[in-house]
Structures are given as structure tokens and as C-alpha cells.
N, C-alpha and C. Protein backbone atom coordinates (compact mmCIF):
# COMPACT_ATOMS: atom_id res chain seq x y z
N MET A 1 -0.14 -9.92 -9.55
CA MET A 1 -1.46 -9.14 -8.79
C MET A 1 -0.80 -7.74 -8.71
N ALA A 2 0.48 -7.20 -8.60
CA ALA A 2 1.08 -6.17 -8.46
C ALA A 2 0.66 -5.30 -9.73
N GLN A 3 0.75 -6.16 -10.88
CA GLN A 3 0.26 -5.53 -12.33
C GLN A 3 -1.11 -5.06 -12.39
N ASP A 4 -2.15 -5.70 -11.52
CA ASP A 4 -3.38 -5.38 -11.23
C ASP A 4 -3.59 -3.90 -10.16
N ASN A 5 -2.76 -3.81 -9.53
CA ASN A 5 -2.81 -2.70 -8.62
C ASN A 5 -1.91 -1.41 -9.69
N LEU A 6 -0.99 -1.73 -10.39
CA LEU A 6 -0.37 -0.61 -11.20
C LEU A 6 -1.48 -0.47 -12.22
N GLN A 7 -2.06 -1.51 -12.89
CA GLN A 7 -3.07 -0.76 -13.81
C GLN A 7 -4.13 -0.13 -13.44
N ALA A 8 -4.74 -0.40 -12.14
CA ALA A 8 -5.75 0.31 -11.56
C ALA A 8 -5.46 1.58 -11.19
N ARG A 9 -3.79 2.04 -11.44
CA ARG A 9 -3.48 3.39 -10.82
C ARG A 9 -3.28 3.97 -12.17
N GLY A 10 -2.90 3.22 -13.15
CA GLY A 10 -2.66 4.00 -14.40
C GLY A 10 -0.97 3.81 -14.65
N ARG A 11 -0.50 2.36 -14.69
CA ARG A 11 0.59 2.26 -15.05
C ARG A 11 1.76 2.76 -14.74
N GLY A 12 1.86 2.89 -13.04
CA GLY A 12 3.08 3.47 -12.79
C GLY A 12 2.96 5.17 -12.61
N SER A 13 1.70 5.67 -13.02
CA SER A 13 1.50 7.15 -13.19
C SER A 13 1.69 7.83 -11.84
N PHE A 14 2.66 8.89 -11.93
CA PHE A 14 2.37 9.41 -10.59
C PHE A 14 2.61 11.05 -10.88
N PRO A 15 1.51 11.62 -10.63
CA PRO A 15 1.31 12.97 -11.30
C PRO A 15 2.52 13.98 -10.43
N LEU A 16 3.11 14.53 -11.57
CA LEU A 16 4.45 15.31 -11.07
C LEU A 16 4.24 16.53 -10.08
N ASP A 17 2.93 17.03 -10.30
CA ASP A 17 2.70 18.07 -9.53
C ASP A 17 2.18 17.53 -8.03
N ASP A 18 1.84 16.40 -7.93
CA ASP A 18 1.68 15.88 -6.67
C ASP A 18 1.42 14.19 -6.52
N PRO A 19 2.59 13.62 -6.26
CA PRO A 19 2.71 12.36 -6.10
C PRO A 19 1.68 11.38 -5.00
N THR A 20 1.32 12.50 -4.10
CA THR A 20 0.25 11.85 -3.35
C THR A 20 -0.83 11.40 -3.72
N GLN A 21 -1.41 12.18 -4.76
CA GLN A 21 -2.51 11.85 -5.75
C GLN A 21 -2.45 9.90 -6.02
N SER A 22 -1.12 9.72 -6.21
CA SER A 22 -1.28 8.32 -6.88
C SER A 22 -1.45 7.29 -5.52
N LEU A 23 -0.57 7.83 -4.51
CA LEU A 23 -0.99 7.09 -3.07
C LEU A 23 -2.41 7.10 -2.56
N ILE A 24 -3.28 8.18 -2.72
CA ILE A 24 -4.65 8.27 -2.54
C ILE A 24 -5.33 7.26 -3.63
N HIS A 25 -5.01 7.11 -4.86
CA HIS A 25 -5.66 6.33 -5.53
C HIS A 25 -5.50 5.05 -5.13
N ASP A 26 -4.17 4.50 -4.73
CA ASP A 26 -3.85 3.06 -4.22
C ASP A 26 -4.89 2.95 -3.18
N HIS A 27 -5.28 3.94 -2.35
CA HIS A 27 -5.98 3.74 -1.00
C HIS A 27 -7.55 3.36 -1.44
N HIS A 28 -7.85 4.17 -2.42
CA HIS A 28 -9.07 3.85 -2.90
C HIS A 28 -9.36 2.48 -3.62
N TYR A 29 -8.52 1.91 -4.10
CA TYR A 29 -8.30 0.66 -4.75
C TYR A 29 -8.29 -0.64 -3.64
N VAL A 30 -7.55 -0.19 -2.71
CA VAL A 30 -7.50 -1.43 -1.59
C VAL A 30 -8.74 -1.11 -0.63
N ARG A 31 -9.38 0.17 -0.40
CA ARG A 31 -10.48 0.05 0.04
C ARG A 31 -11.71 -0.65 -0.76
N GLN A 32 -11.85 -0.58 -2.15
CA GLN A 32 -12.67 -1.15 -2.79
C GLN A 32 -12.51 -2.78 -2.63
N LEU A 33 -11.02 -3.15 -2.61
CA LEU A 33 -10.92 -4.70 -2.46
C LEU A 33 -11.62 -5.02 -1.18
N MET A 34 -11.25 -4.34 -0.03
CA MET A 34 -11.74 -4.90 1.21
C MET A 34 -13.30 -4.89 1.37
N GLN A 35 -13.92 -3.99 0.91
CA GLN A 35 -15.39 -3.89 0.66
C GLN A 35 -16.29 -5.06 0.05
N ARG A 36 -15.31 -5.35 -1.23
CA ARG A 36 -15.72 -6.59 -1.80
C ARG A 36 -15.32 -7.81 -0.96
N TYR A 37 -14.27 -7.87 -0.40
CA TYR A 37 -13.89 -9.17 0.08
C TYR A 37 -15.03 -9.54 1.73
N LEU A 38 -14.86 -8.16 2.34
CA LEU A 38 -15.85 -8.14 3.64
C LEU A 38 -17.36 -8.14 3.40
N GLY A 39 -17.57 -7.80 2.02
CA GLY A 39 -19.10 -7.61 1.97
C GLY A 39 -19.55 -8.78 1.36
N THR A 40 -19.21 -9.82 1.06
CA THR A 40 -19.57 -11.27 0.64
C THR A 40 -19.35 -12.46 1.14
N GLN A 41 -19.99 -13.24 1.01
CA GLN A 41 -19.88 -14.83 1.27
C GLN A 41 -19.50 -15.38 0.26
N ASP A 42 -19.49 -15.15 -0.98
CA ASP A 42 -19.05 -15.70 -1.97
C ASP A 42 -17.64 -16.25 -1.91
N GLU A 43 -17.31 -17.45 -1.91
CA GLU A 43 -15.71 -18.01 -1.81
C GLU A 43 -15.29 -17.50 -3.00
N ARG A 44 -15.70 -17.31 -4.22
CA ARG A 44 -14.96 -17.15 -5.35
C ARG A 44 -14.48 -15.69 -5.15
N VAL A 45 -14.97 -14.73 -4.71
CA VAL A 45 -14.97 -13.47 -4.39
C VAL A 45 -13.84 -13.25 -3.90
N LYS A 46 -13.95 -14.05 -2.53
CA LYS A 46 -12.93 -13.86 -1.47
C LYS A 46 -11.60 -14.56 -1.98
N LEU A 47 -11.57 -15.41 -2.80
CA LEU A 47 -10.61 -16.31 -3.18
C LEU A 47 -9.53 -15.17 -4.30
N GLN A 48 -10.52 -14.48 -4.94
CA GLN A 48 -10.10 -13.38 -5.90
C GLN A 48 -9.37 -12.08 -5.00
N ALA A 49 -10.07 -11.57 -4.17
CA ALA A 49 -10.13 -10.39 -3.62
C ALA A 49 -8.88 -10.39 -2.25
N GLY A 50 -8.79 -11.36 -1.57
CA GLY A 50 -7.92 -11.78 -0.63
C GLY A 50 -6.66 -11.45 -1.05
N PRO A 51 -6.17 -12.15 -1.83
CA PRO A 51 -4.56 -12.16 -2.34
C PRO A 51 -4.23 -10.82 -3.15
N LYS A 52 -5.12 -10.15 -3.76
CA LYS A 52 -5.31 -9.01 -4.51
C LYS A 52 -5.11 -7.69 -3.50
N ILE A 53 -5.45 -7.88 -2.19
CA ILE A 53 -5.71 -6.76 -1.17
C ILE A 53 -4.17 -7.02 -0.67
N CYS A 54 -3.64 -8.17 -0.15
CA CYS A 54 -2.43 -8.31 0.20
C CYS A 54 -1.19 -8.10 -0.70
N GLU A 55 -1.30 -8.42 -1.76
CA GLU A 55 -0.34 -8.02 -2.98
C GLU A 55 -0.33 -6.32 -3.06
N ALA A 56 -1.45 -5.90 -3.10
CA ALA A 56 -1.51 -4.30 -3.21
C ALA A 56 -0.98 -3.66 -2.07
N LEU A 57 -1.30 -3.90 -0.80
CA LEU A 57 -0.69 -3.50 0.46
C LEU A 57 0.78 -3.55 0.47
N GLN A 58 1.22 -4.79 0.00
CA GLN A 58 2.73 -4.85 -0.18
C GLN A 58 3.46 -4.21 -0.99
N LEU A 59 3.00 -3.98 -2.06
CA LEU A 59 3.48 -3.09 -3.10
C LEU A 59 3.76 -1.72 -2.63
N HIS A 60 2.22 -1.14 -2.14
CA HIS A 60 2.34 0.03 -1.50
C HIS A 60 2.87 0.40 -0.41
N THR A 61 3.12 -0.42 0.62
CA THR A 61 3.75 -0.05 1.81
C THR A 61 5.44 -0.16 1.61
N THR A 62 5.81 -1.14 0.60
CA THR A 62 7.24 -1.15 0.20
C THR A 62 7.67 0.13 -0.44
N LEU A 63 6.83 0.75 -1.35
CA LEU A 63 6.98 2.01 -2.06
C LEU A 63 7.23 3.16 -1.14
N GLU A 64 6.29 3.33 -0.11
CA GLU A 64 6.20 4.36 0.81
C GLU A 64 7.47 4.36 1.80
N GLU A 65 7.86 3.03 2.16
CA GLU A 65 8.84 3.18 3.19
C GLU A 65 10.04 3.27 2.28
N ALA A 66 10.34 2.88 1.04
CA ALA A 66 11.74 2.98 0.41
C ALA A 66 11.96 4.29 -0.23
N VAL A 67 10.87 4.82 -0.74
CA VAL A 67 11.10 6.45 -1.39
C VAL A 67 10.42 7.45 -0.50
N PHE A 68 8.81 7.00 -0.45
CA PHE A 68 8.44 8.24 0.00
C PHE A 68 8.63 8.69 1.19
N TYR A 69 8.73 7.90 2.46
CA TYR A 69 9.13 8.26 4.02
C TYR A 69 10.34 8.74 4.03
N PRO A 70 11.37 8.36 3.36
CA PRO A 70 12.62 8.85 3.84
C PRO A 70 12.52 10.25 3.34
N ARG A 71 12.05 10.52 1.86
CA ARG A 71 12.02 11.84 1.46
C ARG A 71 10.99 12.86 2.01
N VAL A 72 10.04 12.54 2.78
CA VAL A 72 9.27 13.32 3.54
C VAL A 72 9.49 13.33 5.11
N GLN A 73 10.20 12.43 5.57
CA GLN A 73 10.76 12.70 6.97
C GLN A 73 10.82 13.90 7.66
N GLU A 74 11.40 14.66 7.10
CA GLU A 74 11.78 16.04 7.64
C GLU A 74 10.51 17.03 8.00
N ILE A 75 9.31 16.73 7.23
CA ILE A 75 8.54 17.51 7.42
C ILE A 75 7.46 17.18 8.59
N ASP A 76 7.52 16.28 9.16
CA ASP A 76 7.03 15.72 10.51
C ASP A 76 7.49 14.44 10.95
N PRO A 77 8.69 14.59 11.50
CA PRO A 77 9.02 13.04 12.00
C PRO A 77 8.53 12.21 12.60
N ALA A 78 7.63 13.01 13.75
CA ALA A 78 6.61 11.84 14.48
C ALA A 78 5.52 11.26 13.66
N LEU A 79 4.95 12.14 12.92
CA LEU A 79 3.79 11.64 11.97
C LEU A 79 4.40 10.56 11.04
N VAL A 80 5.63 10.60 10.47
CA VAL A 80 6.13 9.60 9.86
C VAL A 80 6.43 8.35 10.35
N GLU A 81 6.98 8.56 11.43
CA GLU A 81 7.22 7.06 12.58
C GLU A 81 5.94 6.64 12.83
N LYS A 82 4.93 7.34 12.82
CA LYS A 82 3.64 6.71 13.36
C LYS A 82 3.24 5.81 12.04
N CYS A 83 3.32 6.79 10.85
CA CYS A 83 2.71 5.89 9.66
C CYS A 83 3.77 4.62 9.71
N GLN A 84 4.99 4.58 9.84
CA GLN A 84 5.77 3.50 9.58
C GLN A 84 5.41 2.59 10.61
N ASP A 85 5.08 2.74 11.75
CA ASP A 85 4.63 1.80 12.66
C ASP A 85 3.35 1.32 12.49
N ASP A 86 2.35 1.72 11.65
CA ASP A 86 1.19 1.18 11.00
C ASP A 86 1.70 0.19 10.11
N HIS A 87 2.61 0.60 9.50
CA HIS A 87 3.02 -0.56 8.35
C HIS A 87 3.49 -1.76 8.86
N GLN A 88 4.37 -1.35 10.26
CA GLN A 88 4.66 -2.67 10.79
C GLN A 88 3.73 -3.64 11.19
N ASN A 89 2.35 -2.96 11.63
CA ASN A 89 1.23 -3.65 11.96
C ASN A 89 0.65 -4.23 10.93
N VAL A 90 0.58 -3.43 9.78
CA VAL A 90 0.02 -4.30 8.68
C VAL A 90 0.74 -5.36 8.36
N ASP A 91 2.05 -5.29 8.14
CA ASP A 91 3.16 -6.32 7.69
C ASP A 91 2.94 -7.51 8.49
N GLU A 92 2.80 -7.57 9.62
CA GLU A 92 2.45 -8.76 10.71
C GLU A 92 1.44 -9.25 10.57
N LEU A 93 0.19 -8.67 9.98
CA LEU A 93 -1.04 -9.23 9.84
C LEU A 93 -0.99 -9.97 8.23
N LEU A 94 -0.35 -9.34 7.43
CA LEU A 94 -0.20 -9.74 6.36
C LEU A 94 0.55 -11.09 6.16
N VAL A 95 1.54 -11.21 7.21
CA VAL A 95 2.31 -12.44 7.37
C VAL A 95 1.34 -13.59 7.90
N GLN A 96 0.40 -13.08 8.88
CA GLN A 96 -0.41 -14.11 9.48
C GLN A 96 -1.56 -14.74 8.29
N LEU A 97 -1.78 -13.52 7.33
CA LEU A 97 -2.81 -13.99 6.38
C LEU A 97 -2.26 -14.94 5.14
N GLN A 98 -0.88 -15.03 5.15
CA GLN A 98 -0.18 -15.81 4.35
C GLN A 98 -0.34 -17.38 4.57
N GLU A 99 -0.43 -17.54 6.02
CA GLU A 99 -0.67 -18.97 6.34
C GLU A 99 -2.13 -19.40 6.43
N LEU A 100 -2.86 -18.81 5.91
CA LEU A 100 -4.31 -19.11 6.03
C LEU A 100 -4.83 -18.88 4.34
N GLN A 101 -6.08 -19.63 4.09
CA GLN A 101 -6.65 -19.29 2.70
C GLN A 101 -8.18 -18.46 2.94
N PRO A 102 -8.26 -17.49 2.00
CA PRO A 102 -9.02 -16.62 1.60
C PRO A 102 -10.65 -17.46 2.13
N GLY A 103 -11.41 -16.88 2.89
CA GLY A 103 -12.74 -17.63 3.39
C GLY A 103 -12.81 -18.16 4.37
N GLU A 104 -11.55 -18.89 5.01
CA GLU A 104 -11.55 -19.36 6.32
C GLU A 104 -12.00 -18.37 7.24
N SER A 105 -12.47 -18.92 8.32
CA SER A 105 -12.94 -17.80 9.23
C SER A 105 -11.89 -17.05 10.13
N ALA A 106 -10.89 -17.72 10.19
CA ALA A 106 -9.37 -17.05 10.82
C ALA A 106 -9.02 -15.91 9.79
N TYR A 107 -9.26 -16.08 8.42
CA TYR A 107 -8.69 -15.31 7.42
C TYR A 107 -9.63 -13.88 7.55
N ASP A 108 -11.11 -14.30 7.47
CA ASP A 108 -11.96 -13.27 7.83
C ASP A 108 -11.63 -12.22 8.82
N ASP A 109 -11.29 -13.06 9.90
CA ASP A 109 -11.17 -12.27 11.08
C ASP A 109 -9.92 -11.32 11.03
N LEU A 110 -8.94 -11.85 10.47
CA LEU A 110 -7.54 -11.09 10.12
C LEU A 110 -7.86 -9.99 9.24
N MET A 111 -8.68 -10.36 8.00
CA MET A 111 -8.93 -9.20 7.37
C MET A 111 -9.89 -8.01 7.60
N GLN A 112 -10.68 -8.32 8.81
CA GLN A 112 -11.34 -7.14 9.19
C GLN A 112 -10.27 -6.46 10.14
N GLN A 113 -9.21 -6.96 10.77
CA GLN A 113 -8.48 -6.50 11.66
C GLN A 113 -7.69 -5.53 10.70
N LEU A 114 -7.09 -5.92 9.62
CA LEU A 114 -6.38 -5.44 8.58
C LEU A 114 -7.26 -4.33 8.17
N GLN A 115 -8.46 -4.21 7.80
CA GLN A 115 -9.22 -3.24 7.23
C GLN A 115 -9.22 -2.18 8.21
N ASP A 116 -9.66 -2.43 9.51
CA ASP A 116 -9.65 -1.53 10.65
C ASP A 116 -8.25 -0.73 10.81
N SER A 117 -7.22 -1.54 10.72
CA SER A 117 -5.90 -0.60 10.81
C SER A 117 -5.56 0.03 9.62
N VAL A 118 -5.81 -0.51 8.40
CA VAL A 118 -5.38 0.31 7.25
C VAL A 118 -6.31 1.61 6.91
N LEU A 119 -7.49 1.44 7.26
CA LEU A 119 -8.29 2.61 7.16
C LEU A 119 -8.03 3.65 7.99
N ALA A 120 -7.53 3.33 9.36
CA ALA A 120 -7.04 4.54 9.99
C ALA A 120 -5.62 5.01 9.64
N HIS A 121 -4.89 4.21 9.17
CA HIS A 121 -3.79 4.63 8.56
C HIS A 121 -3.77 5.46 7.33
N MET A 122 -4.88 5.16 6.58
CA MET A 122 -5.34 5.97 5.33
C MET A 122 -5.58 7.30 5.71
N GLU A 123 -6.36 7.38 6.55
CA GLU A 123 -6.89 8.52 7.20
C GLU A 123 -6.07 9.43 7.63
N LEU A 124 -5.36 8.88 8.40
CA LEU A 124 -3.99 9.60 9.03
C LEU A 124 -3.03 10.36 8.09
N GLU A 125 -2.59 9.69 6.96
CA GLU A 125 -1.90 9.93 5.86
C GLU A 125 -2.68 10.94 5.02
N GLU A 126 -3.93 10.88 4.68
CA GLU A 126 -4.97 11.85 3.67
C GLU A 126 -5.09 12.94 4.65
N GLN A 127 -5.45 13.07 5.73
CA GLN A 127 -5.86 13.99 6.60
C GLN A 127 -4.75 14.90 7.09
N GLN A 128 -3.73 14.27 7.28
CA GLN A 128 -2.75 14.86 8.20
C GLN A 128 -1.21 15.01 7.20
N LEU A 129 -0.63 13.79 6.71
CA LEU A 129 0.55 13.90 6.23
C LEU A 129 0.66 14.42 4.66
N PHE A 130 -0.18 14.11 4.06
CA PHE A 130 -0.19 14.60 2.58
C PHE A 130 -0.59 15.97 2.46
N PRO A 131 -1.56 16.59 3.32
CA PRO A 131 -1.71 18.36 3.39
C PRO A 131 -0.31 18.87 3.93
N ALA A 132 0.51 18.25 4.79
CA ALA A 132 1.48 19.07 5.12
C ALA A 132 2.72 18.65 4.34
N ILE A 133 2.77 17.54 3.40
CA ILE A 133 3.54 17.68 2.38
C ILE A 133 3.32 18.65 1.04
N ARG A 134 1.93 18.90 0.79
CA ARG A 134 1.68 19.51 -0.27
C ARG A 134 1.92 21.16 0.25
N ASN A 135 2.17 21.30 1.50
CA ASN A 135 2.13 22.94 2.19
C ASN A 135 3.82 22.76 2.20
N ALA A 136 4.65 21.98 1.96
CA ALA A 136 6.11 22.22 2.29
C ALA A 136 6.80 22.51 1.22
N SER A 137 7.84 22.94 1.32
CA SER A 137 8.62 23.38 0.28
C SER A 137 9.62 22.02 -0.34
N LEU A 138 8.98 21.25 -0.77
CA LEU A 138 9.46 19.90 -1.18
C LEU A 138 9.46 19.77 -2.57
N ASP A 139 10.43 19.41 -3.03
CA ASP A 139 10.31 19.03 -4.53
C ASP A 139 9.60 17.90 -5.17
N LEU A 140 8.47 17.97 -5.37
CA LEU A 140 7.20 17.07 -5.50
C LEU A 140 7.60 16.46 -6.88
N GLN A 141 7.99 17.06 -8.07
CA GLN A 141 8.37 16.51 -9.12
C GLN A 141 9.51 15.36 -8.91
N ASP A 142 10.47 15.71 -8.18
CA ASP A 142 11.66 14.77 -7.96
C ASP A 142 10.99 13.53 -7.05
N LEU A 143 10.22 13.91 -6.21
CA LEU A 143 9.61 12.86 -5.52
C LEU A 143 8.94 11.68 -6.10
N ALA A 144 8.06 12.49 -7.06
CA ALA A 144 7.16 11.69 -7.84
C ALA A 144 8.12 10.77 -8.93
N LEU A 145 9.21 11.58 -9.53
CA LEU A 145 10.02 10.64 -10.55
C LEU A 145 10.61 9.56 -9.65
N ARG A 146 11.12 9.73 -8.72
CA ARG A 146 11.73 8.52 -7.63
C ARG A 146 10.56 7.39 -7.57
N MET A 147 9.47 7.78 -7.16
CA MET A 147 8.68 6.86 -6.74
C MET A 147 8.14 5.90 -8.10
N GLN A 148 8.17 6.59 -9.18
CA GLN A 148 7.79 6.03 -10.45
C GLN A 148 8.95 5.06 -10.79
N ALA A 149 9.96 5.44 -10.73
CA ALA A 149 11.08 4.66 -10.82
C ALA A 149 11.30 3.63 -9.93
N TYR A 150 11.15 3.84 -8.72
CA TYR A 150 11.08 2.48 -8.01
C TYR A 150 10.21 1.55 -8.02
N GLU A 151 8.87 1.82 -8.38
CA GLU A 151 7.76 1.05 -8.66
C GLU A 151 8.12 0.37 -9.97
N ALA A 152 8.52 1.16 -10.84
CA ALA A 152 8.61 0.22 -12.13
C ALA A 152 9.81 -0.59 -11.89
N ASN A 153 10.75 -0.49 -11.27
CA ASN A 153 12.10 -1.60 -11.20
C ASN A 153 11.13 -2.49 -10.12
N LEU A 154 10.55 -2.25 -9.19
CA LEU A 154 9.98 -3.23 -8.50
C LEU A 154 9.20 -4.35 -9.09
N ILE A 155 8.21 -3.76 -9.72
CA ILE A 155 7.08 -4.49 -10.71
C ILE A 155 8.21 -5.45 -11.65
N SER A 156 9.18 -5.00 -12.20
CA SER A 156 9.86 -5.71 -13.30
C SER A 156 10.60 -6.71 -12.68
N THR A 157 11.03 -6.44 -11.08
CA THR A 157 11.76 -7.57 -10.49
C THR A 157 10.76 -8.48 -10.18
N GLN A 158 9.92 -7.91 -9.87
CA GLN A 158 8.93 -9.36 -9.23
C GLN A 158 8.37 -10.23 -10.44
N ALA A 159 8.12 -9.60 -11.52
CA ALA A 159 7.65 -10.21 -12.72
C ALA A 159 8.89 -11.12 -13.17
N ALA A 160 10.16 -10.73 -13.22
CA ALA A 160 11.22 -11.50 -13.50
C ALA A 160 11.41 -12.73 -12.83
N SER A 161 11.17 -12.61 -11.47
CA SER A 161 11.37 -13.41 -10.37
C SER A 161 9.91 -14.20 -10.34
N GLY A 162 8.87 -13.88 -10.81
CA GLY A 162 7.71 -14.73 -10.42
C GLY A 162 7.02 -14.71 -8.87
N ARG A 163 7.48 -13.64 -8.37
CA ARG A 163 7.00 -13.39 -7.09
C ARG A 163 6.65 -11.89 -6.79
N GLY A 164 5.90 -12.02 -5.69
CA GLY A 164 5.54 -10.66 -4.97
C GLY A 164 6.30 -10.14 -3.75
N THR A 165 6.19 -9.04 -3.30
CA THR A 165 6.92 -8.51 -2.30
C THR A 165 6.75 -9.26 -1.08
N GLN A 166 7.63 -9.07 -0.31
CA GLN A 166 7.47 -9.74 1.02
C GLN A 166 7.17 -8.77 2.04
N PRO A 167 6.17 -9.07 3.11
CA PRO A 167 5.81 -7.89 3.87
C PRO A 167 7.27 -7.82 5.04
N GLY A 168 7.57 -6.62 5.16
CA GLY A 168 8.82 -6.35 6.07
C GLY A 168 10.23 -6.63 5.58
N GLY A 169 10.10 -6.97 4.41
CA GLY A 169 11.24 -7.26 3.76
C GLY A 169 11.69 -6.01 3.09
N SER A 170 13.30 -5.70 3.24
CA SER A 170 13.96 -4.57 2.73
C SER A 170 14.39 -4.75 1.42
N LEU A 171 14.04 -3.95 0.49
CA LEU A 171 14.45 -4.08 -0.78
C LEU A 171 15.61 -3.01 -1.30
N HIS A 172 16.07 -2.36 -0.36
CA HIS A 172 17.16 -1.65 -0.78
C HIS A 172 18.53 -1.60 0.06
């Protein structure tokens, strides 16, 4: 499923002049999946979209925490810390979702909480953090290459082991 998210963005494509565009693309992908999940009563759609949402968020947050946030920390430490706190909240919700099945009422309730949290986080990144990064004197090409390499390694490791990322797990 991580492969679906990767293909949705363009197979590890990180624009060298602005890697935040890839993260924004991930945000759009997750928004669409959440709308699909929360906007239907069709259990087949929920069974497909629920796990994809979790996998996409795990991949995205792992990449941001391992590569992106450490490289942009100096630009606005308080804002990056808030983003990391948001990720912790998302990770906790993802752990709870793993104990349930898509379509169950408790899963639906948690998915709504997850959407609320994730949408607020996306807005914070897109409206505050990403513009600050674009205006800073940061080597965006180096950041993009590091993100691309990390994600490619993560995807190949997942494929080799037959598993996805674990929320809150450290990969480095």
C-alpha cells in the first residue's frame, strides 16, 4: 500500500527546487482517501480506503520525522516541535485503528478524529512551515535528494520484509 502512495505522487519524485510540493501532493492524496472513507457507507470502499490512509500517513510521517524536520528545525523550532507533536497524536490514533476493522463504528469515529487532526496539521504545514522553508536559505536540492533516498530505502525495506511502517517507530 505504501507503493500506492508512492505511485500517486510519482514514484519517489521530489521536485529538486521545492520538495515541499511532494509533501503537499501526499496531503492531497490523504485528503481524497479520507473523503472517500468518511463519505460512504459502502463497506468495500471503507475496507480499501481505511488501510491505505493508515499506510500513507505512516510513510509520510516517517519521512518527515526522519529527514524533513531535522533539516528544517532551525528555521522555526517551535513550529517544527508543534508538527512533531501533531505526528505523535496521529501515531496514537493509528495504533488504535490497527486494533479495529474499517467500517466498524469505533473505527469510523477514530477516522473522523484522525481527519480532524490531520487536516489541522496539513494546514499548519502548508500555510506556515512550507512558506518559511521556501523563504529560508536552505539547500532545497539537498533536502529533496535526501528525502528521495530515504523514501526509496524505506519502500524497498518494506517490500523486502512484507510489512509497512509502524506508527511511532524509529527507523534510524
